[in-house]
Amino acid sequence: MQYLHLSRVAFLIYTSPMPIVRFPALMKFYVDNQIEFPVAGNTVTELLDNLIARYPTLKPHLFESSGNLRRHFNIFVNGEHIRELGGLDTALKGDDKVILMVSAAGG
């Protein structure tokens, strides 16, 4: 990581690879119509925090008012559900693929 200082504002520049997030097509409106993009984070929690910091309108869609992840959202890291890994504390590496998936229900 490097820091770039412009006047009084410091910008963090990530010089190492970041995990790639794949976002549900139905919700791409909230992330500038992107489906896949890099987001910094050493854990799933950090990645989600950074995602919300970049796209604040996402927060009510991902989290309940209590702060818990909504039940209809599933998160996979390299194809494995985070509940099979370390939950929201699952460690991430720069080459990881993180998929946010909305559960579908109905009949």
PDB file of N, CA and C in Angstrom:
ATOM      1  N   MET A   1       0.821  -1.170   0.000  1.00  0.00           N
ATOM      2  CA  MET A   1       0.000   0.000   0.000  1.00  0.00           C
ATOM      3  C   MET A   1       0.869   1.239   0.000  1.00  0.00           C
ATOM      4  N   GLN A   2       0.383   2.249  -0.655  1.00  0.00           N
ATOM      5  CA  GLN A   2       1.051   3.534  -0.654  1.00  0.00           C
ATOM      6  C   GLN A   2       0.020   4.601  -0.315  1.00  0.00           C
ATOM      7  N   TYR A   3       0.480   5.693   0.219  1.00  0.00           N
ATOM      8  CA  TYR A   3      -0.395   6.814   0.506  1.00  0.00           C
ATOM      9  C   TYR A   3      -0.048   7.961  -0.430  1.00  0.00           C
ATOM     10  N   LEU A   4      -1.065   8.567  -0.993  1.00  0.00           N
ATOM     11  CA  LEU A   4      -0.905   9.721  -1.850  1.00  0.00           C
ATOM     12  C   LEU A   4      -1.525  10.901  -1.123  1.00  0.00           C
ATOM     13  N   HIS A   5      -0.750  11.944  -0.904  1.00  0.00           N
ATOM     14  CA  HIS A   5      -1.235  13.110  -0.175  1.00  0.00           C
ATOM     15  C   HIS A   5      -1.526  14.240  -1.162  1.00  0.00           C
ATOM     16  N   LEU A   6      -2.753  14.668  -1.216  1.00  0.00           N
ATOM     17  CA  LEU A   6      -3.150  15.814  -2.018  1.00  0.00           C
ATOM     18  C   LEU A   6      -3.723  16.849  -1.074  1.00  0.00           C
ATOM     19  N   SER A   7      -3.047  17.956  -0.964  1.00  0.00           N
ATOM     20  CA  SER A   7      -3.350  19.006   0.009  1.00  0.00           C
ATOM     21  C   SER A   7      -3.470  18.360   1.380  1.00  0.00           C
ATOM     22  N   ARG A   8      -4.647  18.379   1.995  1.00  0.00           N
ATOM     23  CA  ARG A   8      -4.792  17.819   3.342  1.00  0.00           C
ATOM     24  C   ARG A   8      -5.439  16.437   3.346  1.00  0.00           C
ATOM     25  N   VAL A   9      -5.728  15.912   2.188  1.00  0.00           N
ATOM     26  CA  VAL A   9      -6.423  14.627   2.107  1.00  0.00           C
ATOM     27  C   VAL A   9      -5.429  13.544   1.708  1.00  0.00           C
ATOM     28  N   ALA A  10      -5.452  12.447   2.430  1.00  0.00           N
ATOM     29  CA  ALA A  10      -4.595  11.304   2.096  1.00  0.00           C
ATOM     30  C   ALA A  10      -5.447  10.233   1.434  1.00  0.00           C
ATOM     31  N   PHE A  11      -5.015   9.762   0.301  1.00  0.00           N
ATOM     32  CA  PHE A  11      -5.710   8.696  -0.402  1.00  0.00           C
ATOM     33  C   PHE A  11      -4.871   7.432  -0.298  1.00  0.00           C
ATOM     34  N   LEU A  12      -5.528   6.346   0.012  1.00  0.00           N
ATOM     35  CA  LEU A  12      -4.849   5.069   0.105  1.00  0.00           C
ATOM     36  C   LEU A  12      -4.843   4.432  -1.275  1.00  0.00           C
ATOM     37  N   ILE A  13      -3.682   4.060  -1.751  1.00  0.00           N
ATOM     38  CA  ILE A  13      -3.554   3.413  -3.049  1.00  0.00           C
ATOM     39  C   ILE A  13      -3.104   1.977  -2.804  1.00  0.00           C
ATOM     40  N   TYR A  14      -3.903   1.035  -3.238  1.00  0.00           N
ATOM     41  CA  TYR A  14      -3.552  -0.369  -3.092  1.00  0.00           C
ATOM     42  C   TYR A  14      -2.708  -0.777  -4.285  1.00  0.00           C
ATOM     43  N   THR A  15      -1.518  -1.238  -4.003  1.00  0.00           N
ATOM     44  CA  THR A  15      -0.622  -1.645  -5.079  1.00  0.00           C
ATOM     45  C   THR A  15      -0.565  -3.158  -5.220  1.00  0.00           C
ATOM     46  N   SER A  16      -1.236  -3.876  -4.343  1.00  0.00           N
ATOM     47  CA  SER A  16      -1.289  -5.330  -4.448  1.00  0.00           C
ATOM     48  C   SER A  16      -2.678  -5.728  -4.934  1.00  0.00           C
ATOM     49  N   PRO A  17      -2.806  -6.934  -5.454  1.00  0.00           N
ATOM     50  CA  PRO A  17      -4.104  -7.372  -5.961  1.00  0.00           C
ATOM     51  C   PRO A  17      -5.168  -7.357  -4.865  1.00  0.00           C
ATOM     52  N   MET A  18      -6.400  -7.102  -5.264  1.00  0.00           N
ATOM     53  CA  MET A  18      -7.528  -7.096  -4.332  1.00  0.00           C
ATOM     54  C   MET A  18      -8.500  -8.192  -4.735  1.00  0.00           C
ATOM     55  N   PRO A  19      -9.242  -8.721  -3.760  1.00  0.00           N
ATOM     56  CA  PRO A  19     -10.273  -9.698  -4.108  1.00  0.00           C
ATOM     57  C   PRO A  19     -11.256  -9.101  -5.119  1.00  0.00           C
ATOM     58  N   ILE A  20     -11.759  -9.948  -5.985  1.00  0.00           N
ATOM     59  CA  ILE A  20     -12.749  -9.545  -6.973  1.00  0.00           C
ATOM     60  C   ILE A  20     -14.123  -9.928  -6.443  1.00  0.00           C
ATOM     61  N   VAL A  21     -15.042  -8.972  -6.462  1.00  0.00           N
ATOM     62  CA  VAL A  21     -16.411  -9.208  -6.018  1.00  0.00           C
ATOM     63  C   VAL A  21     -17.300  -9.357  -7.236  1.00  0.00           C
ATOM     64  N   ARG A  22     -18.090 -10.402  -7.227  1.00  0.00           N
ATOM     65  CA  ARG A  22     -19.103 -10.601  -8.266  1.00  0.00           C
ATOM     66  C   ARG A  22     -20.432 -10.271  -7.623  1.00  0.00           C
ATOM     67  N   PHE A  23     -21.142  -9.335  -8.221  1.00  0.00           N
ATOM     68  CA  PHE A  23     -22.349  -8.782  -7.639  1.00  0.00           C
ATOM     69  C   PHE A  23     -23.573  -9.257  -8.409  1.00  0.00           C
ATOM     70  N   PRO A  24     -24.717  -9.451  -7.732  1.00  0.00           N
ATOM     71  CA  PRO A  24     -25.934  -9.895  -8.435  1.00  0.00           C
ATOM     72  C   PRO A  24     -26.356  -8.889  -9.500  1.00  0.00           C
ATOM     73  N   ALA A  25     -26.667  -9.383 -10.683  1.00  0.00           N
ATOM     74  CA  ALA A  25     -27.088  -8.515 -11.785  1.00  0.00           C
ATOM     75  C   ALA A  25     -28.314  -7.681 -11.416  1.00  0.00           C
ATOM     76  N   LEU A  26     -29.191  -8.245 -10.595  1.00  0.00           N
ATOM     77  CA  LEU A  26     -30.396  -7.515 -10.201  1.00  0.00           C
ATOM     78  C   LEU A  26     -30.094  -6.292  -9.347  1.00  0.00           C
ATOM     79  N   MET A  27     -28.923  -6.250  -8.735  1.00  0.00           N
ATOM     80  CA  MET A  27     -28.579  -5.137  -7.849  1.00  0.00           C
ATOM     81  C   MET A  27     -27.433  -4.290  -8.391  1.00  0.00           C
ATOM     82  N   LYS A  28     -27.034  -4.504  -9.631  1.00  0.00           N
ATOM     83  CA  LYS A  28     -25.899  -3.763 -10.180  1.00  0.00           C
ATOM     84  C   LYS A  28     -26.158  -2.262 -10.262  1.00  0.00           C
ATOM     85  N   PHE A  29     -27.410  -1.865 -10.243  1.00  0.00           N
ATOM     86  CA  PHE A  29     -27.776  -0.448 -10.232  1.00  0.00           C
ATOM     87  C   PHE A  29     -27.080   0.290  -9.097  1.00  0.00           C
ATOM     88  N   TYR A  30     -26.929  -0.362  -7.952  1.00  0.00           N
ATOM     89  CA  TYR A  30     -26.353   0.258  -6.762  1.00  0.00           C
ATOM     90  C   TYR A  30     -24.830   0.371  -6.800  1.00  0.00           C
ATOM     91  N   VAL A  31     -24.201  -0.293  -7.761  1.00  0.00           N
ATOM     92  CA  VAL A  31     -22.736  -0.289  -7.854  1.00  0.00           C
ATOM     93  C   VAL A  31     -22.286   0.178  -9.245  1.00  0.00           C
ATOM     94  N   ASP A  32     -22.895   1.243  -9.706  1.00  0.00           N
ATOM     95  CA  ASP A  32     -22.542   1.848 -10.999  1.00  0.00           C
ATOM     96  C   ASP A  32     -22.630   0.860 -12.155  1.00  0.00           C
ATOM     97  N   ASN A  33     -23.645  -0.004 -12.110  1.00  0.00           N
ATOM     98  CA  ASN A  33     -23.917  -0.988 -13.165  1.00  0.00           C
ATOM     99  C   ASN A  33     -22.765  -1.958 -13.418  1.00  0.00           C
ATOM    100  N   GLN A  34     -21.985  -2.213 -12.398  1.00  0.00           N
ATOM    101  CA  GLN A  34     -20.902  -3.185 -12.499  1.00  0.00           C
ATOM    102  C   GLN A  34     -21.386  -4.539 -11.987  1.00  0.00           C
ATOM    103  N   ILE A  35     -20.865  -5.587 -12.555  1.00  0.00           N
ATOM    104  CA  ILE A  35     -21.181  -6.927 -12.069  1.00  0.00           C
ATOM    105  C   ILE A  35     -19.977  -7.520 -11.340  1.00  0.00           C
ATOM    106  N   GLU A  36     -18.778  -7.140 -11.776  1.00  0.00           N
ATOM    107  CA  GLU A  36     -17.564  -7.679 -11.171  1.00  0.00           C
ATOM    108  C   GLU A  36     -16.530  -6.557 -11.065  1.00  0.00           C
ATOM    109  N   PHE A  37     -15.933  -6.419  -9.853  1.00  0.00           N
ATOM    110  CA  PHE A  37     -14.969  -5.350  -9.642  1.00  0.00           C
ATOM    111  C   PHE A  37     -14.145  -5.652  -8.389  1.00  0.00           C
ATOM    112  N   PRO A  38     -12.937  -5.077  -8.297  1.00  0.00           N
ATOM    113  CA  PRO A  38     -12.093  -5.314  -7.125  1.00  0.00           C
ATOM    114  C   PRO A  38     -12.537  -4.466  -5.934  1.00  0.00           C
ATOM    115  N   VAL A  39     -12.448  -5.058  -4.739  1.00  0.00           N
ATOM    116  CA  VAL A  39     -12.738  -4.355  -3.492  1.00  0.00           C
ATOM    117  C   VAL A  39     -11.695  -4.803  -2.476  1.00  0.00           C
ATOM    118  N   ALA A  40     -11.083  -3.844  -1.799  1.00  0.00           N
ATOM    119  CA  ALA A  40     -10.060  -4.163  -0.801  1.00  0.00           C
ATOM    120  C   ALA A  40     -10.692  -4.778   0.436  1.00  0.00           C
ATOM    121  N   GLY A  41      -9.951  -5.658   1.079  1.00  0.00           N
ATOM    122  CA  GLY A  41     -10.388  -6.250   2.335  1.00  0.00           C
ATOM    123  C   GLY A  41      -9.580  -7.480   2.670  1.00  0.00           C
ATOM    124  N   ASN A  42      -9.139  -7.560   3.930  1.00  0.00           N
ATOM    125  CA  ASN A  42      -8.406  -8.742   4.384  1.00  0.00           C
ATOM    126  C   ASN A  42      -9.334  -9.814   4.919  1.00  0.00           C
ATOM    127  N   THR A  43     -10.579  -9.443   5.193  1.00  0.00           N
ATOM    128  CA  THR A  43     -11.616 -10.386   5.625  1.00  0.00           C
ATOM    129  C   THR A  43     -12.899 -10.028   4.882  1.00  0.00           C
ATOM    130  N   VAL A  44     -13.874 -10.916   4.948  1.00  0.00           N
ATOM    131  CA  VAL A  44     -15.167 -10.635   4.322  1.00  0.00           C
ATOM    132  C   VAL A  44     -15.787  -9.392   4.957  1.00  0.00           C
ATOM    133  N   THR A  45     -15.671  -9.250   6.269  1.00  0.00           N
ATOM    134  CA  THR A  45     -16.212  -8.068   6.941  1.00  0.00           C
ATOM    135  C   THR A  45     -15.579  -6.790   6.406  1.00  0.00           C
ATOM    136  N   GLU A  46     -14.253  -6.762   6.284  1.00  0.00           N
ATOM    137  CA  GLU A  46     -13.572  -5.574   5.757  1.00  0.00           C
ATOM    138  C   GLU A  46     -14.001  -5.291   4.324  1.00  0.00           C
ATOM    139  N   LEU A  47     -14.119  -6.328   3.525  1.00  0.00           N
ATOM    140  CA  LEU A  47     -14.555  -6.162   2.148  1.00  0.00           C
ATOM    141  C   LEU A  47     -15.949  -5.538   2.109  1.00  0.00           C
ATOM    142  N   LEU A  48     -16.876  -6.041   2.927  1.00  0.00           N
ATOM    143  CA  LEU A  48     -18.227  -5.487   2.963  1.00  0.00           C
ATOM    144  C   LEU A  48     -18.223  -4.049   3.462  1.00  0.00           C
ATOM    145  N   ASP A  49     -17.406  -3.755   4.468  1.00  0.00           N
ATOM    146  CA  ASP A  49     -17.282  -2.381   4.967  1.00  0.00           C
ATOM    147  C   ASP A  49     -16.799  -1.446   3.864  1.00  0.00           C
ATOM    148  N   ASN A  50     -15.799  -1.879   3.106  1.00  0.00           N
ATOM    149  CA  ASN A  50     -15.276  -1.065   2.012  1.00  0.00           C
ATOM    150  C   ASN A  50     -16.283  -0.922   0.879  1.00  0.00           C
ATOM    151  N   LEU A  51     -17.031  -1.972   0.635  1.00  0.00           N
ATOM    152  CA  LEU A  51     -18.082  -1.918  -0.383  1.00  0.00           C
ATOM    153  C   LEU A  51     -19.151  -0.901   0.005  1.00  0.00           C
ATOM    154  N   ILE A  52     -19.568  -0.922   1.255  1.00  0.00           N
ATOM    155  CA  ILE A  52     -20.583   0.017   1.751  1.00  0.00           C
ATOM    156  C   ILE A  52     -20.026   1.444   1.771  1.00  0.00           C
ATOM    157  N   ALA A  53     -18.748   1.599   2.108  1.00  0.00           N
ATOM    158  CA  ALA A  53     -18.145   2.937   2.103  1.00  0.00           C
ATOM    159  C   ALA A  53     -18.158   3.526   0.691  1.00  0.00           C
ATOM    160  N   ARG A  54     -17.936   2.675  -0.306  1.00  0.00           N
ATOM    161  CA  ARG A  54     -17.918   3.135  -1.698  1.00  0.00           C
ATOM    162  C   ARG A  54     -19.325   3.341  -2.241  1.00  0.00           C
ATOM    163  N   TYR A  55     -20.258   2.470  -1.831  1.00  0.00           N
ATOM    164  CA  TYR A  55     -21.635   2.510  -2.326  1.00  0.00           C
ATOM    165  C   TYR A  55     -22.603   2.470  -1.142  1.00  0.00           C
ATOM    166  N   PRO A  56     -22.789   3.582  -0.451  1.00  0.00           N
ATOM    167  CA  PRO A  56     -23.585   3.604   0.783  1.00  0.00           C
ATOM    168  C   PRO A  56     -25.046   3.194   0.594  1.00  0.00           C
ATOM    169  N   THR A  57     -25.602   3.358  -0.588  1.00  0.00           N
ATOM    170  CA  THR A  57     -27.008   2.977  -0.806  1.00  0.00           C
ATOM    171  C   THR A  57     -27.208   1.461  -0.738  1.00  0.00           C
ATOM    172  N   LEU A  58     -26.127   0.711  -0.733  1.00  0.00           N
ATOM    173  CA  LEU A  58     -26.207  -0.756  -0.618  1.00  0.00           C
ATOM    174  C   LEU A  58     -26.568  -1.230   0.785  1.00  0.00           C
ATOM    175  N   LYS A  59     -26.201  -0.447   1.779  1.00  0.00           N
ATOM    176  CA  LYS A  59     -26.287  -0.912   3.169  1.00  0.00           C
ATOM    177  C   LYS A  59     -27.644  -1.506   3.525  1.00  0.00           C
ATOM    178  N   PRO A  60     -28.772  -0.831   3.275  1.00  0.00           N
ATOM    179  CA  PRO A  60     -30.054  -1.430   3.673  1.00  0.00           C
ATOM    180  C   PRO A  60     -30.415  -2.697   2.885  1.00  0.00           C
ATOM    181  N   HIS A  61     -29.768  -2.904   1.751  1.00  0.00           N
ATOM    182  CA  HIS A  61     -30.035  -4.105   0.956  1.00  0.00           C
ATOM    183  C   HIS A  61     -29.218  -5.296   1.440  1.00  0.00           C
ATOM    184  N   LEU A  62     -28.066  -5.022   2.054  1.00  0.00           N
ATOM    185  CA  LEU A  62     -27.191  -6.092   2.536  1.00  0.00           C
ATOM    186  C   LEU A  62     -27.367  -6.388   4.020  1.00  0.00           C
ATOM    187  N   PHE A  63     -27.687  -5.344   4.804  1.00  0.00           N
ATOM    188  CA  PHE A  63     -27.723  -5.491   6.261  1.00  0.00           C
ATOM    189  C   PHE A  63     -29.083  -5.127   6.844  1.00  0.00           C
ATOM    190  N   GLU A  64     -29.463  -5.862   7.883  1.00  0.00           N
ATOM    191  CA  GLU A  64     -30.661  -5.529   8.647  1.00  0.00           C
ATOM    192  C   GLU A  64     -30.352  -4.319   9.517  1.00  0.00           C
ATOM    193  N   SER A  65     -31.381  -3.703  10.085  1.00  0.00           N
ATOM    194  CA  SER A  65     -31.159  -2.535  10.954  1.00  0.00           C
ATOM    195  C   SER A  65     -30.321  -2.900  12.179  1.00  0.00           C
ATOM    196  N   SER A  66     -30.309  -4.173  12.564  1.00  0.00           N
ATOM    197  CA  SER A  66     -29.501  -4.636  13.699  1.00  0.00           C
ATOM    198  C   SER A  66     -28.013  -4.725  13.349  1.00  0.00           C
ATOM    199  N   GLY A  67     -27.685  -4.605  12.048  1.00  0.00           N
ATOM    200  CA  GLY A  67     -26.300  -4.703  11.613  1.00  0.00           C
ATOM    201  C   GLY A  67     -25.925  -6.077  11.096  1.00  0.00           C
ATOM    202  N   ASN A  68     -26.821  -7.053  11.237  1.00  0.00           N
ATOM    203  CA  ASN A  68     -26.560  -8.403  10.739  1.00  0.00           C
ATOM    204  C   ASN A  68     -26.796  -8.472   9.235  1.00  0.00           C
ATOM    205  N   LEU A  69     -26.032  -9.322   8.581  1.00  0.00           N
ATOM    206  CA  LEU A  69     -26.225  -9.556   7.160  1.00  0.00           C
ATOM    207  C   LEU A  69     -27.625 -10.122   6.942  1.00  0.00           C
ATOM    208  N   ARG A  70     -28.311  -9.641   5.931  1.00  0.00           N
ATOM    209  CA  ARG A  70     -29.666 -10.138   5.644  1.00  0.00           C
ATOM    210  C   ARG A  70     -29.624 -11.630   5.329  1.00  0.00           C
ATOM    211  N   ARG A  71     -30.653 -12.326   5.793  1.00  0.00           N
ATOM    212  CA  ARG A  71     -30.689 -13.789   5.636  1.00  0.00           C
ATOM    213  C   ARG A  71     -30.713 -14.230   4.175  1.00  0.00           C
ATOM    214  N   HIS A  72     -31.286 -13.416   3.289  1.00  0.00           N
ATOM    215  CA  HIS A  72     -31.388 -13.832   1.893  1.00  0.00           C
ATOM    216  C   HIS A  72     -30.110 -13.600   1.097  1.00  0.00           C
ATOM    217  N   PHE A  73     -29.067 -13.083   1.752  1.00  0.00           N
ATOM    218  CA  PHE A  73     -27.789 -12.892   1.071  1.00  0.00           C
ATOM    219  C   PHE A  73     -26.843 -14.024   1.422  1.00  0.00           C
ATOM    220  N   ASN A  74     -26.258 -14.612   0.413  1.00  0.00           N
ATOM    221  CA  ASN A  74     -25.255 -15.655   0.590  1.00  0.00           C
ATOM    222  C   ASN A  74     -23.940 -15.135   0.039  1.00  0.00           C
ATOM    223  N   ILE A  75     -22.871 -15.466   0.724  1.00  0.00           N
ATOM    224  CA  ILE A  75     -21.544 -15.031   0.293  1.00  0.00           C
ATOM    225  C   ILE A  75     -20.664 -16.256   0.117  1.00  0.00           C
ATOM    226  N   PHE A  76     -20.017 -16.322  -1.035  1.00  0.00           N
ATOM    227  CA  PHE A  76     -19.120 -17.421  -1.366  1.00  0.00           C
ATOM    228  C   PHE A  76     -17.729 -16.865  -1.627  1.00  0.00           C
ATOM    229  N   VAL A  77     -16.720 -17.556  -1.139  1.00  0.00           N
ATOM    230  CA  VAL A  77     -15.334 -17.212  -1.421  1.00  0.00           C
ATOM    231  C   VAL A  77     -14.732 -18.393  -2.167  1.00  0.00           C
ATOM    232  N   ASN A  78     -14.328 -18.149  -3.395  1.00  0.00           N
ATOM    233  CA  ASN A  78     -13.771 -19.192  -4.260  1.00  0.00           C
ATOM    234  C   ASN A  78     -14.686 -20.418  -4.324  1.00  0.00           C
ATOM    235  N   GLY A  79     -15.987 -20.164  -4.393  1.00  0.00           N
ATOM    236  CA  GLY A  79     -16.958 -21.234  -4.552  1.00  0.00           C
ATOM    237  C   GLY A  79     -17.441 -21.882  -3.271  1.00  0.00           C
ATOM    238  N   GLU A  80     -16.901 -21.504  -2.116  1.00  0.00           N
ATOM    239  CA  GLU A  80     -17.332 -22.078  -0.843  1.00  0.00           C
ATOM    240  C   GLU A  80     -18.109 -21.052  -0.035  1.00  0.00           C
ATOM    241  N   HIS A  81     -19.244 -21.497   0.518  1.00  0.00           N
ATOM    242  CA  HIS A  81     -20.063 -20.608   1.336  1.00  0.00           C
ATOM    243  C   HIS A  81     -19.276 -20.227   2.583  1.00  0.00           C
ATOM    244  N   ILE A  82     -19.368 -18.949   2.988  1.00  0.00           N
ATOM    245  CA  ILE A  82     -18.569 -18.506   4.136  1.00  0.00           C
ATOM    246  C   ILE A  82     -18.957 -19.212   5.426  1.00  0.00           C
ATOM    247  N   ARG A  83     -20.165 -19.764   5.510  1.00  0.00           N
ATOM    248  CA  ARG A  83     -20.512 -20.491   6.744  1.00  0.00           C
ATOM    249  C   ARG A  83     -19.701 -21.777   6.864  1.00  0.00           C
ATOM    250  N   GLU A  84     -19.163 -22.271   5.755  1.00  0.00           N
ATOM    251  CA  GLU A  84     -18.290 -23.451   5.767  1.00  0.00           C
ATOM    252  C   GLU A  84     -16.830 -23.048   6.012  1.00  0.00           C
ATOM    253  N   LEU A  85     -16.568 -21.765   5.953  1.00  0.00           N
ATOM    254  CA  LEU A  85     -15.211 -21.250   6.162  1.00  0.00           C
ATOM    255  C   LEU A  85     -15.163 -20.580   7.528  1.00  0.00           C
ATOM    256  N   GLY A  86     -14.855 -19.314   7.579  1.00  0.00           N
ATOM    257  CA  GLY A  86     -14.769 -18.599   8.851  1.00  0.00           C
ATOM    258  C   GLY A  86     -15.862 -17.568   9.039  1.00  0.00           C
ATOM    259  N   GLY A  87     -16.980 -17.726   8.328  1.00  0.00           N
ATOM    260  CA  GLY A  87     -18.054 -16.749   8.423  1.00  0.00           C
ATOM    261  C   GLY A  87     -17.584 -15.403   7.903  1.00  0.00           C
ATOM    262  N   LEU A  88     -18.070 -14.336   8.509  1.00  0.00           N
ATOM    263  CA  LEU A  88     -17.677 -12.993   8.084  1.00  0.00           C
ATOM    264  C   LEU A  88     -16.214 -12.697   8.396  1.00  0.00           C
ATOM    265  N   ASP A  89     -15.591 -13.516   9.243  1.00  0.00           N
ATOM    266  CA  ASP A  89     -14.171 -13.353   9.558  1.00  0.00           C
ATOM    267  C   ASP A  89     -13.258 -14.115   8.597  1.00  0.00           C
ATOM    268  N   THR A  90     -13.835 -14.706   7.555  1.00  0.00           N
ATOM    269  CA  THR A  90     -13.053 -15.444   6.568  1.00  0.00           C
ATOM    270  C   THR A  90     -11.968 -14.545   5.984  1.00  0.00           C
ATOM    271  N   ALA A  91     -10.728 -15.010   6.044  1.00  0.00           N
ATOM    272  CA  ALA A  91      -9.587 -14.251   5.508  1.00  0.00           C
ATOM    273  C   ALA A  91      -9.634 -14.266   3.982  1.00  0.00           C
ATOM    274  N   LEU A  92      -9.234 -13.146   3.384  1.00  0.00           N
ATOM    275  CA  LEU A  92      -9.212 -13.012   1.931  1.00  0.00           C
ATOM    276  C   LEU A  92      -7.800 -12.719   1.450  1.00  0.00           C
ATOM    277  N   LYS A  93      -7.516 -13.189   0.233  1.00  0.00           N
ATOM    278  CA  LYS A  93      -6.247 -12.907  -0.438  1.00  0.00           C
ATOM    279  C   LYS A  93      -6.560 -12.139  -1.723  1.00  0.00           C
ATOM    280  N   GLY A  94      -5.539 -11.567  -2.303  1.00  0.00           N
ATOM    281  CA  GLY A  94      -5.718 -10.751  -3.497  1.00  0.00           C
ATOM    282  C   GLY A  94      -6.289 -11.462  -4.695  1.00  0.00           C
ATOM    283  N   ASP A  95      -6.103 -12.781  -4.785  1.00  0.00           N
ATOM    284  CA  ASP A  95      -6.609 -13.503  -5.952  1.00  0.00           C
ATOM    285  C   ASP A  95      -7.949 -14.199  -5.688  1.00  0.00           C
ATOM    286  N   ASP A  96      -8.586 -13.906  -4.554  1.00  0.00           N
ATOM    287  CA  ASP A  96      -9.869 -14.535  -4.227  1.00  0.00           C
ATOM    288  C   ASP A  96     -11.013 -13.953  -5.047  1.00  0.00           C
ATOM    289  N   LYS A  97     -11.996 -14.778  -5.282  1.00  0.00           N
ATOM    290  CA  LYS A  97     -13.244 -14.376  -5.938  1.00  0.00           C
ATOM    291  C   LYS A  97     -14.347 -14.470  -4.898  1.00  0.00           C
ATOM    292  N   VAL A  98     -15.006 -13.352  -4.653  1.00  0.00           N
ATOM    293  CA  VAL A  98     -16.084 -13.282  -3.670  1.00  0.00           C
ATOM    294  C   VAL A  98     -17.384 -13.058  -4.428  1.00  0.00           C
ATOM    295  N   ILE A  99     -18.335 -13.963  -4.231  1.00  0.00           N
ATOM    296  CA  ILE A  99     -19.626 -13.859  -4.912  1.00  0.00           C
ATOM    297  C   ILE A  99     -20.699 -13.528  -3.888  1.00  0.00           C
ATOM    298  N   LEU A 100     -21.417 -12.439  -4.138  1.00  0.00           N
ATOM    299  CA  LEU A 100     -22.583 -12.082  -3.332  1.00  0.00           C
ATOM    300  C   LEU A 100     -23.791 -12.572  -4.115  1.00  0.00           C
ATOM    301  N   MET A 101     -24.610 -13.392  -3.485  1.00  0.00           N
ATOM    302  CA  MET A 101     -25.727 -13.996  -4.181  1.00  0.00           C
ATOM    303  C   MET A 101     -27.009 -13.802  -3.382  1.00  0.00           C
ATOM    304  N   VAL A 102     -28.044 -13.363  -4.059  1.00  0.00           N
ATOM    305  CA  VAL A 102     -29.346 -13.199  -3.450  1.00  0.00           C
ATOM    306  C   VAL A 102     -30.098 -14.519  -3.577  1.00  0.00           C
ATOM    307  N   SER A 103     -30.634 -15.018  -2.471  1.00  0.00           N
ATOM    308  CA  SER A 103     -31.437 -16.240  -2.507  1.00  0.00           C
ATOM    309  C   SER A 103     -32.755 -15.953  -3.203  1.00  0.00           C
ATOM    310  N   ALA A 104     -33.208 -16.912  -3.965  1.00  0.00           N
ATOM    311  CA  ALA A 104     -34.503 -16.789  -4.631  1.00  0.00           C
ATOM    312  C   ALA A 104     -35.479 -17.720  -3.922  1.00  0.00           C
ATOM    313  N   ALA A 105     -36.668 -17.230  -3.723  1.00  0.00           N
ATOM    314  CA  ALA A 105     -37.711 -18.038  -3.069  1.00  0.00           C
ATOM    315  C   ALA A 105     -38.997 -17.864  -3.838  1.00  0.00           C
ATOM    316  N   GLY A 106     -39.854 -18.791  -3.667  1.00  0.00           N
ATOM    317  CA  GLY A 106     -41.134 -18.697  -4.342  1.00  0.00           C
ATOM    318  C   GLY A 106     -41.603 -20.078  -4.752  1.00  0.00           C
ATOM    319  N   GLY A 107     -42.654 -20.089  -5.458  1.00  0.00           N
ATOM    320  CA  GLY A 107     -43.133 -21.404  -5.858  1.00  0.00           C
ATOM    321  C   GLY A 107     -44.217 -21.370  -6.850  1.00  0.00           C
TER     322      GLY A 107
END
